Amino acid sequence: MDWKYLLTSFEGRINRAKFWAGIGIFIAIGIVAFILDSILGTRFTTASGGQVGIIGIIVTLASIYFAFALYAKRWHDRNKSGWWTLIGLIPIIGGIWLLVELGILEGTRGANQYGPDPLA
C-alpha cells in the first residue's frame, strides 16, 4: 500500500479497506501519543476536570491534513466532492453521516469523474 499517496494526496479514489487502514493508523498514533503524554507527564487538567496531553494536541493538529486527504479520496469513491467532509462539523448527525458514507457504504462501481474504480 502506498502510504504517502493514501495520507497526502487529495486526488483519486480509495476503497473501504484502505480507508479503514488509514483510520487504524490515526488510532495507533493517538494511542502512542497518549502513552507518551502519560510517561513524560505532559498531561494537564482542564478547568472542566478533563485531562489533555500536549503531545496529543500536537499529533491531533498535525493529523488534520492527513485525515482530510483520506476523507477526500473516500468521498471521491462515492462520486462526491471532498468538501462533503465538512458535514462532520454538524454535531452528532455529521459524525454518523461520515461513518455511514465513508466507512460502510460501497463506492461507485466503475470509473467516475474522480478516477477509475479502485476495486477494478
Protein backbone atom coordinates (compact mmCIF):
# COMPACT_ATOMS: atom_id res chain seq x y z
CA MET A 1 0.00 0.00 0.00
CA ASP A 2 1.29 3.44 -0.90
CA TRP A 3 1.01 5.24 2.46
CA LYS A 4 2.32 8.53 1.09
CA TYR A 5 -0.46 8.62 -1.53
CA LEU A 6 -3.05 7.46 0.99
CA LEU A 7 -2.31 10.18 3.54
CA THR A 8 -1.12 13.15 1.47
CA SER A 9 -2.89 13.19 -1.90
CA PHE A 10 -6.34 14.68 -2.45
CA GLU A 11 -6.60 13.05 -5.92
CA GLY A 12 -8.16 9.74 -6.88
CA ARG A 13 -10.27 7.16 -5.10
CA ILE A 14 -9.80 4.57 -2.35
CA ASN A 15 -11.98 1.68 -1.24
CA ARG A 16 -13.29 1.00 2.26
CA ALA A 17 -10.40 -1.29 3.21
CA LYS A 18 -7.80 1.41 2.56
CA PHE A 19 -9.98 3.96 4.34
CA TRP A 20 -10.14 1.79 7.47
CA ALA A 21 -6.39 1.12 7.25
CA GLY A 22 -5.82 4.91 7.33
CA ILE A 23 -8.19 5.27 10.29
CA GLY A 24 -6.27 2.47 12.03
CA ILE A 25 -3.05 4.45 11.59
CA PHE A 26 -4.67 7.51 13.20
CA ILE A 27 -5.89 5.42 16.14
CA ALA A 28 -2.46 3.81 16.65
CA ILE A 29 -0.70 7.19 16.56
CA GLY A 30 -3.25 8.59 19.03
CA ILE A 31 -2.61 5.71 21.44
CA VAL A 32 1.15 6.23 21.20
CA ALA A 33 0.69 9.98 21.86
CA PHE A 34 -1.49 9.19 24.92
CA ILE A 35 1.12 6.78 26.29
CA LEU A 36 3.93 9.30 25.71
CA ASP A 37 1.92 12.03 27.46
CA SER A 38 1.39 9.71 30.42
CA ILE A 39 5.03 8.60 30.62
CA LEU A 40 6.50 12.08 30.17
CA GLY A 41 3.98 13.77 32.45
CA THR A 42 2.89 16.22 29.78
CA ARG A 43 -0.80 15.87 30.65
CA PHE A 44 -2.65 18.65 32.42
CA THR A 45 -6.13 19.04 33.85
CA THR A 46 -8.54 21.47 32.23
CA ALA A 47 -10.97 23.70 34.11
CA SER A 48 -13.75 21.16 33.48
CA GLY A 49 -11.72 18.36 35.04
CA GLY A 50 -10.69 16.60 31.83
CA GLN A 51 -7.11 15.73 31.08
CA VAL A 52 -5.32 16.84 27.93
CA GLY A 53 -1.85 15.90 26.74
CA ILE A 54 0.46 18.31 24.95
CA ILE A 55 1.79 15.60 22.63
CA GLY A 56 -1.79 14.52 21.91
CA ILE A 57 -2.75 18.07 20.95
CA ILE A 58 0.24 18.36 18.60
CA VAL A 59 -0.49 14.98 16.99
CA THR A 60 -4.18 15.86 16.56
CA LEU A 61 -3.40 19.18 14.87
CA ALA A 62 -0.82 17.54 12.60
CA SER A 63 -3.29 14.78 11.64
CA ILE A 64 -5.97 17.13 10.33
CA TYR A 65 -4.37 17.49 6.90
CA PHE A 66 -3.85 13.73 6.56
CA ALA A 67 -7.43 12.98 7.63
CA PHE A 68 -8.82 15.43 5.08
CA ALA A 69 -6.74 13.76 2.33
CA LEU A 70 -8.02 10.33 3.36
CA TYR A 71 -11.65 11.50 3.56
CA ALA A 72 -11.48 13.32 0.21
CA LYS A 73 -10.38 10.19 -1.64
CA ARG A 74 -13.13 8.17 0.01
CA TRP A 75 -15.75 10.80 -0.90
CA HIS A 76 -14.43 10.64 -4.46
CA ASP A 77 -15.10 6.90 -4.45
CA ARG A 78 -18.70 7.73 -3.50
CA ASN A 79 -18.71 10.15 -6.51
CA LYS A 80 -18.93 13.23 -4.29
CA SER A 81 -16.65 16.19 -3.70
CA GLY A 82 -14.13 16.05 -0.86
CA TRP A 83 -15.85 19.15 0.52
CA TRP A 84 -18.52 16.80 1.90
CA THR A 85 -16.04 16.24 4.76
CA LEU A 86 -17.35 19.48 6.24
CA ILE A 87 -20.61 17.71 7.09
CA GLY A 88 -18.66 16.31 10.03
CA LEU A 89 -18.89 19.75 11.64
CA ILE A 90 -22.60 19.19 12.34
CA PRO A 91 -22.81 17.79 15.89
CA ILE A 92 -23.78 14.10 16.19
CA ILE A 93 -25.50 13.80 12.78
CA GLY A 94 -22.34 14.79 10.90
CA GLY A 95 -20.22 12.10 12.57
CA ILE A 96 -22.84 9.44 11.92
CA TRP A 97 -23.14 10.57 8.30
CA LEU A 98 -19.35 10.34 7.84
CA LEU A 99 -19.26 6.87 9.38
CA VAL A 100 -22.06 5.55 7.16
CA GLU A 101 -20.99 7.22 3.88
CA LEU A 102 -17.24 6.65 4.16
CA GLY A 103 -16.91 3.57 6.31
CA ILE A 104 -19.91 1.43 5.45
CA LEU A 105 -21.41 2.21 2.05
CA GLU A 106 -19.87 0.80 -1.13
CA GLY A 107 -18.20 3.14 -3.60
CA THR A 108 -19.41 3.91 -7.11
CA ARG A 109 -18.91 0.94 -9.41
CA GLY A 110 -16.77 1.64 -12.45
CA ALA A 111 -14.96 4.81 -13.32
CA ASN A 112 -16.34 8.17 -12.28
CA GLN A 113 -15.18 11.79 -12.63
CA TYR A 114 -12.52 11.24 -9.94
CA GLY A 115 -10.83 8.23 -11.49
CA PRO A 116 -11.03 4.50 -12.13
CA ASP A 117 -12.71 2.05 -9.74
CA PRO A 118 -10.18 1.16 -7.00
CA LEU A 119 -11.53 -2.39 -6.94
CA ALA A 120 -11.20 -2.95 -10.70
